[in-house]
């Protein structure tokens, strides 16, 4: 399975928030509908939406933890290898400058 990039993850999270919001709005709009089947369906949908919200929060927390861990690892690398870090940054700056100057 391929890895999902950070941009794709953020887009997915945003889309999930919109779907949950729309579903909540739909439930509010149909609150006055009568019938045992409708009430049962609304209850199941509400329960699943609550579960999706909780899982979305867990995914966001896990993503934030990974970003923090990557930041700490980068900070540690820079402190342990300052000259290599400067060389890498200079090389990336040169490459970026060359790419920008071609346009």
N, C-alpha and C. Protein backbone atom coordinates (compact mmCIF):
# COMPACT_ATOMS: atom_id res chain seq x y z
N UNK A 1 0.84 -1.17 0.00
CA UNK A 1 0.00 0.00 0.00
C UNK A 1 0.89 1.24 0.00
N UNK A 2 0.61 2.20 -0.83
CA UNK A 2 1.45 3.37 -0.93
C UNK A 2 1.18 4.31 0.23
N UNK A 3 2.20 5.11 0.56
CA UNK A 3 2.05 6.07 1.63
C UNK A 3 1.25 7.27 1.14
N UNK A 4 0.47 7.81 2.03
CA UNK A 4 -0.32 9.00 1.71
C UNK A 4 0.48 10.21 2.16
N UNK A 5 0.62 11.19 1.29
CA UNK A 5 1.39 12.37 1.63
C UNK A 5 0.63 13.23 2.62
N UNK A 6 1.33 14.17 3.22
CA UNK A 6 0.72 15.05 4.22
C UNK A 6 -0.40 15.87 3.61
N UNK A 7 -0.23 16.32 2.38
CA UNK A 7 -1.26 17.11 1.72
C UNK A 7 -2.51 16.26 1.49
N UNK A 8 -2.32 15.02 1.07
CA UNK A 8 -3.45 14.13 0.85
C UNK A 8 -4.16 13.83 2.17
N UNK A 9 -3.39 13.64 3.25
CA UNK A 9 -3.99 13.38 4.55
C UNK A 9 -4.82 14.57 5.01
N UNK A 10 -4.27 15.77 4.84
CA UNK A 10 -5.01 16.97 5.26
C UNK A 10 -6.28 17.13 4.44
N UNK A 11 -6.21 16.85 3.14
CA UNK A 11 -7.39 16.94 2.27
C UNK A 11 -8.43 15.91 2.73
N UNK A 12 -8.00 14.71 3.04
CA UNK A 12 -8.91 13.67 3.52
C UNK A 12 -9.56 14.08 4.83
N UNK A 13 -8.77 14.63 5.75
CA UNK A 13 -9.31 15.07 7.04
C UNK A 13 -10.34 16.18 6.82
N UNK A 14 -10.04 17.10 5.93
CA UNK A 14 -10.96 18.19 5.63
C UNK A 14 -12.25 17.65 5.03
N UNK A 15 -12.12 16.72 4.09
CA UNK A 15 -13.31 16.12 3.47
C UNK A 15 -14.16 15.38 4.50
N UNK A 16 -13.52 14.67 5.42
CA UNK A 16 -14.26 13.96 6.46
C UNK A 16 -15.01 14.93 7.36
N UNK A 17 -14.38 16.05 7.70
CA UNK A 17 -15.06 17.06 8.51
C UNK A 17 -16.31 17.58 7.79
N UNK A 18 -16.19 17.81 6.49
CA UNK A 18 -17.33 18.32 5.72
C UNK A 18 -18.45 17.28 5.68
N UNK A 19 -18.10 16.02 5.45
CA UNK A 19 -19.11 14.95 5.41
C UNK A 19 -19.82 14.84 6.75
N UNK A 20 -19.07 14.88 7.84
CA UNK A 20 -19.68 14.78 9.16
C UNK A 20 -20.59 15.98 9.41
N UNK A 21 -20.15 17.14 9.03
CA UNK A 21 -20.97 18.35 9.20
C UNK A 21 -22.26 18.25 8.39
N UNK A 22 -22.15 17.81 7.15
CA UNK A 22 -23.34 17.65 6.30
C UNK A 22 -24.29 16.61 6.87
N UNK A 23 -23.76 15.52 7.37
CA UNK A 23 -24.61 14.47 7.94
C UNK A 23 -25.32 14.97 9.20
N UNK A 24 -24.61 15.75 10.02
CA UNK A 24 -25.25 16.31 11.20
C UNK A 24 -26.38 17.26 10.80
N UNK A 25 -26.15 18.06 9.77
CA UNK A 25 -27.18 18.97 9.30
C UNK A 25 -28.40 18.19 8.79
N UNK A 26 -28.15 17.10 8.06
CA UNK A 26 -29.23 16.26 7.57
C UNK A 26 -30.03 15.66 8.72
N UNK A 27 -29.34 15.22 9.77
CA UNK A 27 -30.04 14.68 10.93
C UNK A 27 -30.90 15.74 11.61
N UNK A 28 -30.38 16.97 11.70
CA UNK A 28 -31.17 18.04 12.31
C UNK A 28 -32.41 18.36 11.47
N UNK A 29 -32.24 18.32 10.15
CA UNK A 29 -33.36 18.64 9.26
C UNK A 29 -34.45 17.59 9.32
N UNK A 30 -34.07 16.32 9.56
CA UNK A 30 -35.06 15.24 9.57
C UNK A 30 -35.51 14.89 10.98
N UNK A 31 -35.19 15.73 11.95
CA UNK A 31 -35.54 15.43 13.35
C UNK A 31 -37.04 15.33 13.55
N UNK A 32 -37.82 16.05 12.78
CA UNK A 32 -39.27 16.04 12.95
C UNK A 32 -39.97 14.91 12.23
N UNK A 33 -39.24 14.12 11.45
CA UNK A 33 -39.85 13.02 10.71
C UNK A 33 -40.35 11.96 11.68
N UNK A 34 -41.53 11.46 11.43
CA UNK A 34 -42.15 10.45 12.29
C UNK A 34 -41.80 9.05 11.77
N UNK A 35 -41.95 8.10 12.62
CA UNK A 35 -41.75 6.71 12.23
C UNK A 35 -40.66 6.06 13.05
N UNK A 36 -40.92 4.81 13.41
CA UNK A 36 -39.97 4.07 14.23
C UNK A 36 -38.69 3.77 13.45
N UNK A 37 -38.84 3.44 12.18
CA UNK A 37 -37.66 3.14 11.35
C UNK A 37 -36.77 4.36 11.18
N UNK A 38 -37.38 5.52 11.05
CA UNK A 38 -36.62 6.75 10.89
C UNK A 38 -35.85 7.06 12.16
N UNK A 39 -36.47 6.92 13.29
CA UNK A 39 -35.81 7.19 14.57
C UNK A 39 -34.65 6.22 14.79
N UNK A 40 -34.86 4.95 14.43
CA UNK A 40 -33.81 3.95 14.58
C UNK A 40 -32.62 4.27 13.66
N UNK A 41 -32.93 4.63 12.44
CA UNK A 41 -31.88 4.97 11.48
C UNK A 41 -31.11 6.20 11.94
N UNK A 42 -31.83 7.22 12.43
CA UNK A 42 -31.17 8.42 12.92
C UNK A 42 -30.23 8.08 14.08
N UNK A 43 -30.67 7.21 14.96
CA UNK A 43 -29.84 6.81 16.10
C UNK A 43 -28.57 6.11 15.66
N UNK A 44 -28.69 5.20 14.70
CA UNK A 44 -27.51 4.49 14.19
C UNK A 44 -26.55 5.44 13.49
N UNK A 45 -27.09 6.34 12.67
CA UNK A 45 -26.24 7.30 11.97
C UNK A 45 -25.53 8.21 12.97
N UNK A 46 -26.25 8.66 13.97
CA UNK A 46 -25.66 9.53 14.98
C UNK A 46 -24.53 8.81 15.72
N UNK A 47 -24.75 7.55 16.07
CA UNK A 47 -23.72 6.77 16.77
C UNK A 47 -22.48 6.60 15.89
N UNK A 48 -22.67 6.31 14.63
CA UNK A 48 -21.53 6.15 13.73
C UNK A 48 -20.80 7.46 13.51
N UNK A 49 -21.54 8.56 13.45
CA UNK A 49 -20.89 9.87 13.29
C UNK A 49 -20.06 10.21 14.52
N UNK A 50 -20.59 9.91 15.69
CA UNK A 50 -19.83 10.16 16.92
C UNK A 50 -18.56 9.33 16.94
N UNK A 51 -18.65 8.09 16.49
CA UNK A 51 -17.48 7.22 16.42
C UNK A 51 -16.48 7.78 15.41
N UNK A 52 -16.96 8.25 14.28
CA UNK A 52 -16.06 8.82 13.26
C UNK A 52 -15.36 10.06 13.78
N UNK A 53 -16.07 10.88 14.56
CA UNK A 53 -15.43 12.06 15.15
C UNK A 53 -14.30 11.68 16.09
N UNK A 54 -14.55 10.67 16.91
CA UNK A 54 -13.53 10.22 17.86
C UNK A 54 -12.32 9.68 17.10
N UNK A 55 -12.55 8.90 16.07
CA UNK A 55 -11.45 8.34 15.28
C UNK A 55 -10.70 9.44 14.55
N UNK A 56 -11.40 10.45 14.08
CA UNK A 56 -10.76 11.58 13.41
C UNK A 56 -9.84 12.32 14.37
N UNK A 57 -10.29 12.49 15.60
CA UNK A 57 -9.46 13.14 16.61
C UNK A 57 -8.21 12.31 16.88
N UNK A 58 -8.35 10.99 16.95
CA UNK A 58 -7.20 10.12 17.18
C UNK A 58 -6.20 10.21 16.03
N UNK A 59 -6.71 10.25 14.80
CA UNK A 59 -5.83 10.35 13.64
C UNK A 59 -5.08 11.69 13.65
N UNK A 60 -5.78 12.76 14.01
CA UNK A 60 -5.13 14.07 14.09
C UNK A 60 -4.05 14.07 15.16
N UNK A 61 -4.34 13.48 16.30
CA UNK A 61 -3.35 13.43 17.39
C UNK A 61 -2.14 12.60 16.98
N UNK A 62 -2.37 11.49 16.29
CA UNK A 62 -1.26 10.65 15.83
C UNK A 62 -0.41 11.40 14.81
N UNK A 63 -1.05 12.12 13.89
CA UNK A 63 -0.30 12.90 12.90
C UNK A 63 0.52 13.98 13.57
N UNK A 64 -0.06 14.66 14.55
CA UNK A 64 0.66 15.70 15.28
C UNK A 64 1.85 15.11 16.03
N UNK A 65 1.68 13.94 16.61
CA UNK A 65 2.78 13.29 17.32
C UNK A 65 3.92 12.93 16.37
N UNK A 66 3.57 12.45 15.17
CA UNK A 66 4.60 12.12 14.18
C UNK A 66 5.36 13.35 13.73
N UNK A 67 4.65 14.45 13.55
CA UNK A 67 5.30 15.70 13.14
C UNK A 67 6.25 16.18 14.24
N UNK A 68 5.80 16.10 15.48
CA UNK A 68 6.66 16.51 16.60
C UNK A 68 7.89 15.62 16.69
N UNK A 69 7.71 14.32 16.50
CA UNK A 69 8.84 13.40 16.56
C UNK A 69 9.84 13.69 15.44
N UNK A 70 9.33 13.99 14.25
CA UNK A 70 10.22 14.32 13.14
C UNK A 70 10.97 15.62 13.42
N UNK A 71 10.30 16.58 14.02
CA UNK A 71 10.94 17.83 14.38
C UNK A 71 12.04 17.63 15.41
N UNK A 72 11.77 16.79 16.41
CA UNK A 72 12.78 16.51 17.42
C UNK A 72 13.97 15.76 16.82
N UNK A 73 13.69 14.82 15.93
CA UNK A 73 14.78 14.07 15.28
C UNK A 73 15.63 15.00 14.43
N UNK A 74 15.00 15.92 13.71
CA UNK A 74 15.74 16.88 12.91
C UNK A 74 16.58 17.78 13.79
N UNK A 75 16.00 18.25 14.89
CA UNK A 75 16.74 19.10 15.82
C UNK A 75 17.95 18.36 16.39
N UNK A 76 17.74 17.12 16.74
CA UNK A 76 18.85 16.31 17.27
C UNK A 76 19.96 16.13 16.22
N UNK A 77 19.57 15.85 14.98
CA UNK A 77 20.54 15.66 13.91
C UNK A 77 21.35 16.93 13.71
N UNK A 78 20.68 18.08 13.72
CA UNK A 78 21.38 19.35 13.51
C UNK A 78 22.36 19.62 14.65
N UNK A 79 21.98 19.29 15.88
CA UNK A 79 22.89 19.52 17.00
C UNK A 79 24.08 18.55 16.98
N UNK A 80 23.85 17.33 16.55
CA UNK A 80 24.93 16.34 16.51
C UNK A 80 25.83 16.56 15.30
N UNK A 81 25.27 16.98 14.18
CA UNK A 81 26.02 17.15 12.93
C UNK A 81 25.82 18.56 12.36
N UNK A 82 26.37 19.57 13.01
CA UNK A 82 26.10 20.94 12.54
C UNK A 82 26.67 21.23 11.15
N UNK A 83 27.87 20.74 10.87
CA UNK A 83 28.49 21.04 9.57
C UNK A 83 27.80 20.31 8.44
N UNK A 84 27.37 19.09 8.66
CA UNK A 84 26.61 18.38 7.64
C UNK A 84 25.29 19.07 7.37
N UNK A 85 24.67 19.57 8.43
CA UNK A 85 23.40 20.28 8.28
C UNK A 85 23.58 21.54 7.45
N UNK A 86 24.67 22.26 7.70
CA UNK A 86 24.94 23.47 6.92
C UNK A 86 25.18 23.11 5.46
N UNK A 87 25.93 22.04 5.22
CA UNK A 87 26.19 21.59 3.85
C UNK A 87 24.91 21.19 3.13
N UNK A 88 24.04 20.45 3.82
CA UNK A 88 22.78 20.03 3.21
C UNK A 88 21.91 21.24 2.90
N UNK A 89 21.84 22.18 3.83
CA UNK A 89 21.04 23.38 3.61
C UNK A 89 21.59 24.20 2.45
N UNK A 90 22.91 24.31 2.36
CA UNK A 90 23.52 25.07 1.26
C UNK A 90 23.25 24.40 -0.08
N UNK A 91 23.38 23.09 -0.13
CA UNK A 91 23.13 22.36 -1.37
C UNK A 91 21.67 22.50 -1.80
N UNK A 92 20.76 22.41 -0.86
CA UNK A 92 19.35 22.55 -1.19
C UNK A 92 19.04 23.98 -1.65
N UNK A 93 19.66 24.96 -1.02
CA UNK A 93 19.48 26.35 -1.43
C UNK A 93 20.00 26.58 -2.83
N UNK A 94 21.16 25.99 -3.15
CA UNK A 94 21.73 26.11 -4.49
C UNK A 94 20.82 25.46 -5.52
N UNK A 95 20.35 24.27 -5.22
CA UNK A 95 19.45 23.56 -6.13
C UNK A 95 18.15 24.34 -6.34
N UNK A 96 17.59 24.85 -5.27
CA UNK A 96 16.37 25.65 -5.38
C UNK A 96 16.61 26.92 -6.19
N UNK A 97 17.75 27.56 -5.97
CA UNK A 97 18.10 28.76 -6.74
C UNK A 97 18.24 28.47 -8.21
N UNK A 98 18.84 27.32 -8.54
CA UNK A 98 18.99 26.95 -9.95
C UNK A 98 17.63 26.68 -10.58
N UNK A 99 16.77 26.02 -9.86
CA UNK A 99 15.43 25.73 -10.39
C UNK A 99 14.62 27.00 -10.59
N UNK A 100 14.73 27.94 -9.68
CA UNK A 100 13.98 29.19 -9.79
C UNK A 100 14.53 30.05 -10.91
N UNK A 101 15.84 30.05 -11.09
CA UNK A 101 16.45 30.90 -12.13
C UNK A 101 16.13 30.40 -13.54
N UNK A 102 15.78 29.14 -13.69
CA UNK A 102 15.42 28.60 -15.01
C UNK A 102 14.09 29.12 -15.49
N UNK A 103 13.25 29.53 -14.60
CA UNK A 103 11.93 30.02 -14.98
C UNK A 103 12.09 31.39 -15.45
